[in-house]
Amino acid sequence: MRRTSRSQGMATSDARPPHPGQTLHRLFMDPNGLSVNRLARALGVPANRISAIMAGQRPMTADTALRLARLFGTSALYWMNLQARYDLAMAEQVLGPDLEERVRPLSERPAASFEDTPPEELSSDA
């Protein structure tokens, strides 16, 4: 099922995107026959870092993204975007309807005017 996000006007999937560790395992480690230890050695990082990422217990960091990008010929942004998509989906799941109740859009103000406005003045609690 798909729904439209009110704030973005974009269709989003109700299915949670996979943690970057799942993508790492399924699309990169398995096809290349890489174990956790072998990947960790190739990246120059502790094996427990890779294990924790694969288990979804640790986020993808910029450091790890740069190393994976170099090893697999991807971009670091690819890995960071996987993490950002996952984080946004998790935050949306946690905040849920509470977000719509507590934060009201400032639709009457043009977006360009936000650039020079201090963040505390943009709060709907003011």
PDB file of N, CA and C in Angstrom:
ATOM      1  N   MET A   1       0.846  -1.172   0.000  1.00  0.00           N
ATOM      2  CA  MET A   1       0.000   0.000   0.000  1.00  0.00           C
ATOM      3  C   MET A   1       0.892   1.235   0.000  1.00  0.00           C
ATOM      4  N   ARG A   2       0.451   2.280  -0.751  1.00  0.00           N
ATOM      5  CA  ARG A   2       1.201   3.523  -0.804  1.00  0.00           C
ATOM      6  C   ARG A   2       0.325   4.639  -0.284  1.00  0.00           C
ATOM      7  N   ARG A   3       0.969   5.617   0.330  1.00  0.00           N
ATOM      8  CA  ARG A   3       0.236   6.774   0.805  1.00  0.00           C
ATOM      9  C   ARG A   3       1.002   8.024   0.406  1.00  0.00           C
ATOM     10  N   THR A   4       0.327   9.148   0.454  1.00  0.00           N
ATOM     11  CA  THR A   4       0.979  10.400   0.101  1.00  0.00           C
ATOM     12  C   THR A   4       1.324  11.159   1.359  1.00  0.00           C
ATOM     13  N   SER A   5       2.572  11.560   1.467  1.00  0.00           N
ATOM     14  CA  SER A   5       3.024  12.367   2.593  1.00  0.00           C
ATOM     15  C   SER A   5       2.489  13.774   2.421  1.00  0.00           C
ATOM     16  N   ARG A   6       1.817  14.272   3.435  1.00  0.00           N
ATOM     17  CA  ARG A   6       1.228  15.601   3.366  1.00  0.00           C
ATOM     18  C   ARG A   6       2.281  16.694   3.212  1.00  0.00           C
ATOM     19  N   SER A   7       3.374  16.572   3.940  1.00  0.00           N
ATOM     20  CA  SER A   7       4.378  17.633   3.927  1.00  0.00           C
ATOM     21  C   SER A   7       5.185  17.663   2.637  1.00  0.00           C
ATOM     22  N   GLN A   8       5.404  16.537   2.035  1.00  0.00           N
ATOM     23  CA  GLN A   8       6.225  16.484   0.838  1.00  0.00           C
ATOM     24  C   GLN A   8       5.408  16.314  -0.431  1.00  0.00           C
ATOM     25  N   GLY A   9       4.165  15.811  -0.309  1.00  0.00           N
ATOM     26  CA  GLY A   9       3.367  15.557  -1.484  1.00  0.00           C
ATOM     27  C   GLY A   9       3.923  14.413  -2.316  1.00  0.00           C
ATOM     28  N   MET A  10       4.702  13.531  -1.686  1.00  0.00           N
ATOM     29  CA  MET A  10       5.321  12.431  -2.399  1.00  0.00           C
ATOM     30  C   MET A  10       4.704  11.127  -1.925  1.00  0.00           C
ATOM     31  N   ALA A  11       4.607  10.174  -2.826  1.00  0.00           N
ATOM     32  CA  ALA A  11       4.122   8.855  -2.444  1.00  0.00           C
ATOM     33  C   ALA A  11       5.235   8.141  -1.696  1.00  0.00           C
ATOM     34  N   THR A  12       4.892   7.548  -0.572  1.00  0.00           N
ATOM     35  CA  THR A  12       5.869   6.797   0.199  1.00  0.00           C
ATOM     36  C   THR A  12       5.312   5.414   0.459  1.00  0.00           C
ATOM     37  N   SER A  13       6.166   4.464   0.611  1.00  0.00           N
ATOM     38  CA  SER A  13       5.747   3.098   0.846  1.00  0.00           C
ATOM     39  C   SER A  13       5.544   2.876   2.341  1.00  0.00           C
ATOM     40  N   ASP A  14       4.540   2.061   2.676  1.00  0.00           N
ATOM     41  CA  ASP A  14       4.319   1.712   4.070  1.00  0.00           C
ATOM     42  C   ASP A  14       5.377   0.722   4.551  1.00  0.00           C
ATOM     43  N   ALA A  15       6.045   0.050   3.612  1.00  0.00           N
ATOM     44  CA  ALA A  15       7.090  -0.893   3.984  1.00  0.00           C
ATOM     45  C   ALA A  15       8.332  -0.123   4.415  1.00  0.00           C
ATOM     46  N   ARG A  16       8.904  -0.545   5.521  1.00  0.00           N
ATOM     47  CA  ARG A  16      10.105   0.112   6.038  1.00  0.00           C
ATOM     48  C   ARG A  16      11.295  -0.246   5.146  1.00  0.00           C
ATOM     49  N   PRO A  17      12.108   0.736   4.763  1.00  0.00           N
ATOM     50  CA  PRO A  17      13.293   0.407   3.967  1.00  0.00           C
ATOM     51  C   PRO A  17      14.256  -0.428   4.804  1.00  0.00           C
ATOM     52  N   PRO A  18      15.055  -1.255   4.157  1.00  0.00           N
ATOM     53  CA  PRO A  18      15.983  -2.092   4.919  1.00  0.00           C
ATOM     54  C   PRO A  18      17.094  -1.260   5.553  1.00  0.00           C
ATOM     55  N   HIS A  19      17.599  -1.762   6.654  1.00  0.00           N
ATOM     56  CA  HIS A  19      18.780  -1.153   7.270  1.00  0.00           C
ATOM     57  C   HIS A  19      19.940  -1.324   6.281  1.00  0.00           C
ATOM     58  N   PRO A  20      20.859  -0.370   6.228  1.00  0.00           N
ATOM     59  CA  PRO A  20      21.989  -0.492   5.298  1.00  0.00           C
ATOM     60  C   PRO A  20      22.768  -1.798   5.455  1.00  0.00           C
ATOM     61  N   GLY A  21      22.768  -2.352   6.657  1.00  0.00           N
ATOM     62  CA  GLY A  21      23.462  -3.617   6.876  1.00  0.00           C
ATOM     63  C   GLY A  21      22.858  -4.763   6.087  1.00  0.00           C
ATOM     64  N   GLN A  22      21.539  -4.745   5.920  1.00  0.00           N
ATOM     65  CA  GLN A  22      20.884  -5.780   5.115  1.00  0.00           C
ATOM     66  C   GLN A  22      21.291  -5.653   3.650  1.00  0.00           C
ATOM     67  N   THR A  23      21.345  -4.419   3.171  1.00  0.00           N
ATOM     68  CA  THR A  23      21.758  -4.179   1.787  1.00  0.00           C
ATOM     69  C   THR A  23      23.208  -4.586   1.592  1.00  0.00           C
ATOM     70  N   LEU A  24      24.048  -4.234   2.534  1.00  0.00           N
ATOM     71  CA  LEU A  24      25.458  -4.610   2.476  1.00  0.00           C
ATOM     72  C   LEU A  24      25.599  -6.121   2.348  1.00  0.00           C
ATOM     73  N   HIS A  25      24.882  -6.837   3.176  1.00  0.00           N
ATOM     74  CA  HIS A  25      24.975  -8.293   3.181  1.00  0.00           C
ATOM     75  C   HIS A  25      24.435  -8.904   1.895  1.00  0.00           C
ATOM     76  N   ARG A  26      23.205  -8.522   1.540  1.00  0.00           N
ATOM     77  CA  ARG A  26      22.503  -9.148   0.419  1.00  0.00           C
ATOM     78  C   ARG A  26      23.095  -8.779  -0.949  1.00  0.00           C
ATOM     79  N   LEU A  27      23.432  -7.513  -1.148  1.00  0.00           N
ATOM     80  CA  LEU A  27      23.856  -7.068  -2.478  1.00  0.00           C
ATOM     81  C   LEU A  27      25.364  -6.985  -2.681  1.00  0.00           C
ATOM     82  N   PHE A  28      26.117  -7.007  -1.593  1.00  0.00           N
ATOM     83  CA  PHE A  28      27.558  -6.827  -1.748  1.00  0.00           C
ATOM     84  C   PHE A  28      28.386  -7.966  -1.157  1.00  0.00           C
ATOM     85  N   MET A  29      28.062  -8.399   0.041  1.00  0.00           N
ATOM     86  CA  MET A  29      28.870  -9.443   0.656  1.00  0.00           C
ATOM     87  C   MET A  29      28.586 -10.812   0.045  1.00  0.00           C
ATOM     88  N   ASP A  30      27.318 -11.200   0.010  1.00  0.00           N
ATOM     89  CA  ASP A  30      26.973 -12.520  -0.534  1.00  0.00           C
ATOM     90  C   ASP A  30      27.469 -12.718  -1.966  1.00  0.00           C
ATOM     91  N   PRO A  31      27.159 -11.790  -2.887  1.00  0.00           N
ATOM     92  CA  PRO A  31      27.610 -12.001  -4.271  1.00  0.00           C
ATOM     93  C   PRO A  31      29.134 -12.063  -4.426  1.00  0.00           C
ATOM     94  N   ASN A  32      29.849 -11.439  -3.519  1.00  0.00           N
ATOM     95  CA  ASN A  32      31.312 -11.428  -3.590  1.00  0.00           C
ATOM     96  C   ASN A  32      31.963 -12.456  -2.673  1.00  0.00           C
ATOM     97  N   GLY A  33      31.141 -13.276  -2.033  1.00  0.00           N
ATOM     98  CA  GLY A  33      31.659 -14.318  -1.159  1.00  0.00           C
ATOM     99  C   GLY A  33      32.456 -13.785   0.014  1.00  0.00           C
ATOM    100  N   LEU A  34      32.032 -12.642   0.556  1.00  0.00           N
ATOM    101  CA  LEU A  34      32.761 -12.014   1.658  1.00  0.00           C
ATOM    102  C   LEU A  34      32.151 -12.365   3.008  1.00  0.00           C
ATOM    103  N   SER A  35      32.978 -12.814   3.914  1.00  0.00           N
ATOM    104  CA  SER A  35      32.555 -13.016   5.300  1.00  0.00           C
ATOM    105  C   SER A  35      32.719 -11.696   6.042  1.00  0.00           C
ATOM    106  N   VAL A  36      32.195 -11.642   7.243  1.00  0.00           N
ATOM    107  CA  VAL A  36      32.352 -10.450   8.078  1.00  0.00           C
ATOM    108  C   VAL A  36      33.836 -10.162   8.297  1.00  0.00           C
ATOM    109  N   ASN A  37      34.592 -11.190   8.650  1.00  0.00           N
ATOM    110  CA  ASN A  37      36.023 -10.999   8.921  1.00  0.00           C
ATOM    111  C   ASN A  37      36.792 -10.552   7.684  1.00  0.00           C
ATOM    112  N   ARG A  38      36.478 -11.143   6.562  1.00  0.00           N
ATOM    113  CA  ARG A  38      37.186 -10.780   5.327  1.00  0.00           C
ATOM    114  C   ARG A  38      36.866  -9.342   4.917  1.00  0.00           C
ATOM    115  N   LEU A  39      35.601  -8.951   5.033  1.00  0.00           N
ATOM    116  CA  LEU A  39      35.218  -7.576   4.700  1.00  0.00           C
ATOM    117  C   LEU A  39      35.881  -6.595   5.663  1.00  0.00           C
ATOM    118  N   ALA A  40      35.865  -6.921   6.939  1.00  0.00           N
ATOM    119  CA  ALA A  40      36.478  -6.043   7.940  1.00  0.00           C
ATOM    120  C   ALA A  40      37.965  -5.838   7.649  1.00  0.00           C
ATOM    121  N   ARG A  41      38.656  -6.917   7.310  1.00  0.00           N
ATOM    122  CA  ARG A  41      40.085  -6.797   6.969  1.00  0.00           C
ATOM    123  C   ARG A  41      40.279  -5.926   5.734  1.00  0.00           C
ATOM    124  N   ALA A  42      39.438  -6.115   4.728  1.00  0.00           N
ATOM    125  CA  ALA A  42      39.555  -5.331   3.486  1.00  0.00           C
ATOM    126  C   ALA A  42      39.307  -3.844   3.737  1.00  0.00           C
ATOM    127  N   LEU A  43      38.440  -3.548   4.700  1.00  0.00           N
ATOM    128  CA  LEU A  43      38.108  -2.157   5.020  1.00  0.00           C
ATOM    129  C   LEU A  43      39.049  -1.550   6.055  1.00  0.00           C
ATOM    130  N   GLY A  44      39.757  -2.411   6.777  1.00  0.00           N
ATOM    131  CA  GLY A  44      40.631  -1.920   7.843  1.00  0.00           C
ATOM    132  C   GLY A  44      39.856  -1.476   9.070  1.00  0.00           C
ATOM    133  N   VAL A  45      38.781  -2.207   9.381  1.00  0.00           N
ATOM    134  CA  VAL A  45      37.954  -1.888  10.552  1.00  0.00           C
ATOM    135  C   VAL A  45      37.764  -3.149  11.387  1.00  0.00           C
ATOM    136  N   PRO A  46      37.370  -3.007  12.653  1.00  0.00           N
ATOM    137  CA  PRO A  46      37.101  -4.186  13.477  1.00  0.00           C
ATOM    138  C   PRO A  46      35.898  -4.975  12.943  1.00  0.00           C
ATOM    139  N   ALA A  47      35.965  -6.282  13.052  1.00  0.00           N
ATOM    140  CA  ALA A  47      34.878  -7.139  12.577  1.00  0.00           C
ATOM    141  C   ALA A  47      33.571  -6.854  13.308  1.00  0.00           C
ATOM    142  N   ASN A  48      33.661  -6.458  14.587  1.00  0.00           N
ATOM    143  CA  ASN A  48      32.421  -6.204  15.325  1.00  0.00           C
ATOM    144  C   ASN A  48      31.669  -4.995  14.770  1.00  0.00           C
ATOM    145  N   ARG A  49      32.378  -4.082  14.095  1.00  0.00           N
ATOM    146  CA  ARG A  49      31.692  -2.953  13.455  1.00  0.00           C
ATOM    147  C   ARG A  49      30.799  -3.473  12.324  1.00  0.00           C
ATOM    148  N   ILE A  50      31.345  -4.367  11.505  1.00  0.00           N
ATOM    149  CA  ILE A  50      30.577  -4.921  10.383  1.00  0.00           C
ATOM    150  C   ILE A  50      29.424  -5.768  10.903  1.00  0.00           C
ATOM    151  N   SER A  51      29.684  -6.588  11.914  1.00  0.00           N
ATOM    152  CA  SER A  51      28.621  -7.421  12.497  1.00  0.00           C
ATOM    153  C   SER A  51      27.478  -6.570  13.031  1.00  0.00           C
ATOM    154  N   ALA A  52      27.812  -5.490  13.719  1.00  0.00           N
ATOM    155  CA  ALA A  52      26.783  -4.620  14.299  1.00  0.00           C
ATOM    156  C   ALA A  52      25.981  -3.906  13.211  1.00  0.00           C
ATOM    157  N   ILE A  53      26.636  -3.495  12.144  1.00  0.00           N
ATOM    158  CA  ILE A  53      25.916  -2.865  11.031  1.00  0.00           C
ATOM    159  C   ILE A  53      24.978  -3.878  10.388  1.00  0.00           C
ATOM    160  N   MET A  54      25.470  -5.078  10.143  1.00  0.00           N
ATOM    161  CA  MET A  54      24.635  -6.109   9.519  1.00  0.00           C
ATOM    162  C   MET A  54      23.439  -6.478  10.387  1.00  0.00           C
ATOM    163  N   ALA A  55      23.609  -6.426  11.700  1.00  0.00           N
ATOM    164  CA  ALA A  55      22.520  -6.762  12.623  1.00  0.00           C
ATOM    165  C   ALA A  55      21.567  -5.591  12.843  1.00  0.00           C
ATOM    166  N   GLY A  56      21.859  -4.446  12.241  1.00  0.00           N
ATOM    167  CA  GLY A  56      21.009  -3.272  12.428  1.00  0.00           C
ATOM    168  C   GLY A  56      21.194  -2.618  13.780  1.00  0.00           C
ATOM    169  N   GLN A  57      22.287  -2.939  14.463  1.00  0.00           N
ATOM    170  CA  GLN A  57      22.554  -2.389  15.791  1.00  0.00           C
ATOM    171  C   GLN A  57      23.448  -1.157  15.751  1.00  0.00           C
ATOM    172  N   ARG A  58      23.995  -0.871  14.584  1.00  0.00           N
ATOM    173  CA  ARG A  58      24.894   0.272  14.429  1.00  0.00           C
ATOM    174  C   ARG A  58      24.553   0.957  13.110  1.00  0.00           C
ATOM    175  N   PRO A  59      24.513   2.280  13.102  1.00  0.00           N
ATOM    176  CA  PRO A  59      24.207   2.978  11.847  1.00  0.00           C
ATOM    177  C   PRO A  59      25.421   3.008  10.913  1.00  0.00           C
ATOM    178  N   MET A  60      25.140   3.270   9.666  1.00  0.00           N
ATOM    179  CA  MET A  60      26.201   3.489   8.688  1.00  0.00           C
ATOM    180  C   MET A  60      26.807   4.857   8.981  1.00  0.00           C
ATOM    181  N   THR A  61      28.093   4.918   9.215  1.00  0.00           N
ATOM    182  CA  THR A  61      28.762   6.198   9.478  1.00  0.00           C
ATOM    183  C   THR A  61      29.447   6.676   8.199  1.00  0.00           C
ATOM    184  N   ALA A  62      29.817   7.937   8.186  1.00  0.00           N
ATOM    185  CA  ALA A  62      30.529   8.485   7.034  1.00  0.00           C
ATOM    186  C   ALA A  62      31.850   7.745   6.821  1.00  0.00           C
ATOM    187  N   ASP A  63      32.523   7.401   7.901  1.00  0.00           N
ATOM    188  CA  ASP A  63      33.791   6.673   7.809  1.00  0.00           C
ATOM    189  C   ASP A  63      33.596   5.337   7.099  1.00  0.00           C
ATOM    190  N   THR A  64      32.610   4.577   7.541  1.00  0.00           N
ATOM    191  CA  THR A  64      32.352   3.273   6.931  1.00  0.00           C
ATOM    192  C   THR A  64      31.860   3.436   5.501  1.00  0.00           C
ATOM    193  N   ALA A  65      31.032   4.432   5.254  1.00  0.00           N
ATOM    194  CA  ALA A  65      30.522   4.685   3.902  1.00  0.00           C
ATOM    195  C   ALA A  65      31.667   4.971   2.931  1.00  0.00           C
ATOM    196  N   LEU A  66      32.630   5.761   3.357  1.00  0.00           N
ATOM    197  CA  LEU A  66      33.783   6.061   2.498  1.00  0.00           C
ATOM    198  C   LEU A  66      34.582   4.799   2.184  1.00  0.00           C
ATOM    199  N   ARG A  67      34.765   3.962   3.184  1.00  0.00           N
ATOM    200  CA  ARG A  67      35.523   2.722   2.993  1.00  0.00           C
ATOM    201  C   ARG A  67      34.783   1.761   2.061  1.00  0.00           C
ATOM    202  N   LEU A  68      33.468   1.606   2.285  1.00  0.00           N
ATOM    203  CA  LEU A  68      32.675   0.719   1.430  1.00  0.00           C
ATOM    204  C   LEU A  68      32.637   1.232  -0.010  1.00  0.00           C
ATOM    205  N   ALA A  69      32.511   2.531  -0.166  1.00  0.00           N
ATOM    206  CA  ALA A  69      32.477   3.126  -1.506  1.00  0.00           C
ATOM    207  C   ALA A  69      33.769   2.817  -2.257  1.00  0.00           C
ATOM    208  N   ARG A  70      34.881   2.951  -1.584  1.00  0.00           N
ATOM    209  CA  ARG A  70      36.181   2.673  -2.208  1.00  0.00           C
ATOM    210  C   ARG A  70      36.290   1.198  -2.589  1.00  0.00           C
ATOM    211  N   LEU A  71      35.889   0.326  -1.685  1.00  0.00           N
ATOM    212  CA  LEU A  71      36.017  -1.114  -1.920  1.00  0.00           C
ATOM    213  C   LEU A  71      35.107  -1.603  -3.044  1.00  0.00           C
ATOM    214  N   PHE A  72      33.839  -1.167  -3.017  1.00  0.00           N
ATOM    215  CA  PHE A  72      32.857  -1.700  -3.956  1.00  0.00           C
ATOM    216  C   PHE A  72      32.632  -0.833  -5.191  1.00  0.00           C
ATOM    217  N   GLY A  73      33.306   0.304  -5.283  1.00  0.00           N
ATOM    218  CA  GLY A  73      33.140   1.152  -6.456  1.00  0.00           C
ATOM    219  C   GLY A  73      31.808   1.874  -6.500  1.00  0.00           C
ATOM    220  N   THR A  74      31.264   2.149  -5.337  1.00  0.00           N
ATOM    221  CA  THR A  74      30.022   2.922  -5.245  1.00  0.00           C
ATOM    222  C   THR A  74      30.402   4.327  -4.788  1.00  0.00           C
ATOM    223  N   SER A  75      29.415   5.102  -4.414  1.00  0.00           N
ATOM    224  CA  SER A  75      29.711   6.403  -3.805  1.00  0.00           C
ATOM    225  C   SER A  75      29.415   6.312  -2.311  1.00  0.00           C
ATOM    226  N   ALA A  76      30.074   7.139  -1.543  1.00  0.00           N
ATOM    227  CA  ALA A  76      29.781   7.194  -0.110  1.00  0.00           C
ATOM    228  C   ALA A  76      28.351   7.674   0.103  1.00  0.00           C
ATOM    229  N   LEU A  77      27.891   8.535  -0.785  1.00  0.00           N
ATOM    230  CA  LEU A  77      26.527   9.047  -0.687  1.00  0.00           C
ATOM    231  C   LEU A  77      25.496   7.928  -0.830  1.00  0.00           C
ATOM    232  N   TYR A  78      25.789   6.917  -1.617  1.00  0.00           N
ATOM    233  CA  TYR A  78      24.897   5.762  -1.745  1.00  0.00           C
ATOM    234  C   TYR A  78      24.634   5.155  -0.364  1.00  0.00           C
ATOM    235  N   TRP A  79      25.695   4.922   0.385  1.00  0.00           N
ATOM    236  CA  TRP A  79      25.578   4.303   1.703  1.00  0.00           C
ATOM    237  C   TRP A  79      24.905   5.235   2.703  1.00  0.00           C
ATOM    238  N   MET A  80      25.248   6.505   2.650  1.00  0.00           N
ATOM    239  CA  MET A  80      24.644   7.468   3.574  1.00  0.00           C
ATOM    240  C   MET A  80      23.156   7.662   3.268  1.00  0.00           C
ATOM    241  N   ASN A  81      22.786   7.615   1.993  1.00  0.00           N
ATOM    242  CA  ASN A  81      21.370   7.720   1.633  1.00  0.00           C
ATOM    243  C   ASN A  81      20.573   6.522   2.131  1.00  0.00           C
ATOM    244  N   LEU A  82      21.174   5.341   2.093  1.00  0.00           N
ATOM    245  CA  LEU A  82      20.498   4.166   2.655  1.00  0.00           C
ATOM    246  C   LEU A  82      20.199   4.397   4.133  1.00  0.00           C
ATOM    247  N   GLN A  83      21.186   4.930   4.851  1.00  0.00           N
ATOM    248  CA  GLN A  83      20.996   5.194   6.282  1.00  0.00           C
ATOM    249  C   GLN A  83      19.954   6.274   6.501  1.00  0.00           C
ATOM    250  N   ALA A  84      20.005   7.336   5.706  1.00  0.00           N
ATOM    251  CA  ALA A  84      19.042   8.436   5.858  1.00  0.00           C
ATOM    252  C   ALA A  84      17.617   7.957   5.603  1.00  0.00           C
ATOM    253  N   ARG A  85      17.414   7.148   4.572  1.00  0.00           N
ATOM    254  CA  ARG A  85      16.074   6.618   4.282  1.00  0.00           C
ATOM    255  C   ARG A  85      15.567   5.762   5.444  1.00  0.00           C
ATOM    256  N   TYR A  86      16.458   4.928   5.968  1.00  0.00           N
ATOM    257  CA  TYR A  86      16.092   4.073   7.096  1.00  0.00           C
ATOM    258  C   TYR A  86      15.750   4.915   8.325  1.00  0.00           C
ATOM    259  N   ASP A  87      16.594   5.901   8.635  1.00  0.00           N
ATOM    260  CA  ASP A  87      16.370   6.762   9.801  1.00  0.00           C
ATOM    261  C   ASP A  87      15.063   7.538   9.682  1.00  0.00           C
ATOM    262  N   LEU A  88      14.779   8.070   8.501  1.00  0.00           N
ATOM    263  CA  LEU A  88      13.529   8.815   8.301  1.00  0.00           C
ATOM    264  C   LEU A  88      12.310   7.918   8.476  1.00  0.00           C
ATOM    265  N   ALA A  89      12.385   6.712   7.940  1.00  0.00           N
ATOM    266  CA  ALA A  89      11.265   5.778   8.085  1.00  0.00           C
ATOM    267  C   ALA A  89      11.043   5.415   9.550  1.00  0.00           C
ATOM    268  N   MET A  90      12.130   5.207  10.280  1.00  0.00           N
ATOM    269  CA  MET A  90      12.009   4.872  11.701  1.00  0.00           C
ATOM    270  C   MET A  90      11.441   6.051  12.486  1.00  0.00           C
ATOM    271  N   ALA A  91      11.902   7.257  12.197  1.00  0.00           N
ATOM    272  CA  ALA A  91      11.397   8.444  12.892  1.00  0.00           C
ATOM    273  C   ALA A  91       9.922   8.657  12.592  1.00  0.00           C
ATOM    274  N   GLU A  92       9.535   8.449  11.337  1.00  0.00           N
ATOM    275  CA  GLU A  92       8.130   8.602  10.964  1.00  0.00           C
ATOM    276  C   GLU A  92       7.260   7.585  11.701  1.00  0.00           C
ATOM    277  N   GLN A  93       7.772   6.376  11.841  1.00  0.00           N
ATOM    278  CA  GLN A  93       7.035   5.330  12.548  1.00  0.00           C
ATOM    279  C   GLN A  93       6.861   5.696  14.027  1.00  0.00           C
ATOM    280  N   VAL A  94       7.898   6.239  14.636  1.00  0.00           N
ATOM    281  CA  VAL A  94       7.851   6.600  16.052  1.00  0.00           C
ATOM    282  C   VAL A  94       6.974   7.833  16.282  1.00  0.00           C
ATOM    283  N   LEU A  95       7.162   8.862  15.466  1.00  0.00           N
ATOM    284  CA  LEU A  95       6.406  10.108  15.650  1.00  0.00           C
ATOM    285  C   LEU A  95       4.955   9.971  15.230  1.00  0.00           C
ATOM    286  N   GLY A  96       4.744   9.280  14.121  1.00  0.00           N
ATOM    287  CA  GLY A  96       3.399   9.014  13.630  1.00  0.00           C
ATOM    288  C   GLY A  96       2.465  10.198  13.662  1.00  0.00           C
ATOM    289  N   PRO A  97       1.228   9.951  14.094  1.00  0.00           N
ATOM    290  CA  PRO A  97       0.224  11.012  14.102  1.00  0.00           C
ATOM    291  C   PRO A  97       0.569  12.149  15.059  1.00  0.00           C
ATOM    292  N   ASP A  98       1.388  11.886  16.045  1.00  0.00           N
ATOM    293  CA  ASP A  98       1.769  12.927  16.996  1.00  0.00           C
ATOM    294  C   ASP A  98       2.428  14.104  16.283  1.00  0.00           C
ATOM    295  N   LEU A  99       3.165  13.817  15.233  1.00  0.00           N
ATOM    296  CA  LEU A  99       3.836  14.875  14.480  1.00  0.00           C
ATOM    297  C   LEU A  99       2.818  15.834  13.871  1.00  0.00           C
ATOM    298  N   GLU A 100       1.774  15.297  13.268  1.00  0.00           N
ATOM    299  CA  GLU A 100       0.755  16.146  12.643  1.00  0.00           C
ATOM    300  C   GLU A 100      -0.004  16.967  13.680  1.00  0.00           C
ATOM    301  N   GLU A 101      -0.157  16.432  14.869  1.00  0.00           N
ATOM    302  CA  GLU A 101      -0.869  17.160  15.921  1.00  0.00           C
ATOM    303  C   GLU A 101      -0.011  18.253  16.549  1.00  0.00           C
ATOM    304  N   ARG A 102       1.278  17.996  16.708  1.00  0.00           N
ATOM    305  CA  ARG A 102       2.134  18.921  17.447  1.00  0.00           C
ATOM    306  C   ARG A 102       2.841  19.963  16.587  1.00  0.00           C
ATOM    307  N   VAL A 103       3.034  19.664  15.308  1.00  0.00           N
ATOM    308  CA  VAL A 103       3.758  20.595  14.443  1.00  0.00           C
ATOM    309  C   VAL A 103       2.844  21.013  13.300  1.00  0.00           C
ATOM    310  N   ARG A 104       2.523  22.280  13.290  1.00  0.00           N
ATOM    311  CA  ARG A 104       1.645  22.805  12.241  1.00  0.00           C
ATOM    312  C   ARG A 104       2.476  23.498  11.170  1.00  0.00           C
ATOM    313  N   PRO A 105       2.148  23.269   9.889  1.00  0.00           N
ATOM    314  CA  PRO A 105       2.887  23.920   8.802  1.00  0.00           C
ATOM    315  C   PRO A 105       2.705  25.431   8.829  1.00  0.00           C
ATOM    316  N   LEU A 106       3.717  26.122   8.427  1.00  0.00           N
ATOM    317  CA  LEU A 106       3.652  27.573   8.311  1.00  0.00           C
ATOM    318  C   LEU A 106       3.393  27.922   6.846  1.00  0.00           C
ATOM    319  N   SER A 107       2.313  27.364   6.311  1.00  0.00           N
ATOM    320  CA  SER A 107       2.034  27.475   4.882  1.00  0.00           C
ATOM    321  C   SER A 107       1.777  28.896   4.411  1.00  0.00           C
ATOM    322  N   GLU A 108       1.433  29.772   5.327  1.00  0.00           N
ATOM    323  CA  GLU A 108       1.176  31.150   4.905  1.00  0.00           C
ATOM    324  C   GLU A 108       2.455  31.949   4.668  1.00  0.00           C
ATOM    325  N   ARG A 109       3.614  31.405   5.044  1.00  0.00           N
ATOM    326  CA  ARG A 109       4.892  32.099   4.823  1.00  0.00           C
ATOM    327  C   ARG A 109       5.599  31.493   3.620  1.00  0.00           C
ATOM    328  N   PRO A 110       6.142  32.317   2.742  1.00  0.00           N
ATOM    329  CA  PRO A 110       6.914  31.760   1.622  1.00  0.00           C
ATOM    330  C   PRO A 110       8.173  31.064   2.145  1.00  0.00           C
ATOM    331  N   ALA A 111       8.530  29.965   1.526  1.00  0.00           N
ATOM    332  CA  ALA A 111       9.682  29.173   1.971  1.00  0.00           C
ATOM    333  C   ALA A 111      10.961  29.992   2.007  1.00  0.00           C
ATOM    334  N   ALA A 112      11.143  30.912   1.090  1.00  0.00           N
ATOM    335  CA  ALA A 112      12.377  31.702   1.037  1.00  0.00           C
ATOM    336  C   ALA A 112      12.574  32.533   2.299  1.00  0.00           C
ATOM    337  N   SER A 113      11.496  32.900   2.974  1.00  0.00           N
ATOM    338  CA  SER A 113      11.629  33.735   4.169  1.00  0.00           C
ATOM    339  C   SER A 113      12.199  32.967   5.356  1.00  0.00           C
ATOM    340  N   PHE A 114      12.227  31.645   5.304  1.00  0.00           N
ATOM    341  CA  PHE A 114      12.765  30.844   6.392  1.00  0.00           C
ATOM    342  C   PHE A 114      14.280  30.975   6.506  1.00  0.00           C
ATOM    343  N   GLU A 115      14.953  31.286   5.428  1.00  0.00           N
ATOM    344  CA  GLU A 115      16.416  31.322   5.426  1.00  0.00           C
ATOM    345  C   GLU A 115      16.984  32.296   6.446  1.00  0.00           C
ATOM    346  N   ASP A 116      16.336  33.431   6.648  1.00  0.00           N
ATOM    347  CA  ASP A 116      16.855  34.454   7.556  1.00  0.00           C
ATOM    348  C   ASP A 116      16.165  34.455   8.914  1.00  0.00           C
ATOM    349  N   THR A 117      15.331  33.451   9.175  1.00  0.00           N
ATOM    350  CA  THR A 117      14.585  33.394  10.422  1.00  0.00           C
ATOM    351  C   THR A 117      15.263  32.429  11.385  1.00  0.00           C
ATOM    352  N   PRO A 118      15.577  32.866  12.607  1.00  0.00           N
ATOM    353  CA  PRO A 118      16.179  31.956  13.589  1.00  0.00           C
ATOM    354  C   PRO A 118      15.240  30.777  13.871  1.00  0.00           C
ATOM    355  N   PRO A 119      15.787  29.567  14.073  1.00  0.00           N
ATOM    356  CA  PRO A 119      14.964  28.375  14.284  1.00  0.00           C
ATOM    357  C   PRO A 119      13.945  28.522  15.408  1.00  0.00           C
ATOM    358  N   GLU A 120      14.305  29.222  16.493  1.00  0.00           N
ATOM    359  CA  GLU A 120      13.365  29.347  17.616  1.00  0.00           C
ATOM    360  C   GLU A 120      12.112  30.130  17.227  1.00  0.00           C
ATOM    361  N   GLU A 121      12.201  30.978  16.214  1.00  0.00           N
ATOM    362  CA  GLU A 121      11.031  31.739  15.780  1.00  0.00           C
ATOM    363  C   GLU A 121      10.122  30.935  14.861  1.00  0.00           C
ATOM    364  N   LEU A 122      10.588  29.789  14.374  1.00  0.00           N
ATOM    365  CA  LEU A 122       9.793  28.956  13.482  1.00  0.00           C
ATOM    366  C   LEU A 122       8.953  27.938  14.239  1.00  0.00           C
ATOM    367  N   SER A 123       9.168  27.788  15.537  1.00  0.00           N
ATOM    368  CA  SER A 123       8.455  26.807  16.341  1.00  0.00           C
ATOM    369  C   SER A 123       6.982  27.149  16.429  1.00  0.00           C
ATOM    370  N   SER A 124       6.136  26.115  16.356  1.00  0.00           N
ATOM    371  CA  SER A 124       4.695  26.340  16.472  1.00  0.00           C
ATOM    372  C   SER A 124       4.280  26.534  17.926  1.00  0.00           C
ATOM    373  N   ASP A 125       5.213  26.305  18.879  1.00  0.00           N
ATOM    374  CA  ASP A 125       4.906  26.484  20.299  1.00  0.00           C
ATOM    375  C   ASP A 125       4.997  27.939  20.730  1.00  0.00           C
ATOM    376  N   ALA A 126       5.573  28.803  19.895  1.00  0.00           N
ATOM    377  CA  ALA A 126       5.788  30.207  20.272  1.00  0.00           C
ATOM    378  C   ALA A 126       4.493  30.971  20.379  1.00  0.00           C
TER     379      ALA A 126
END
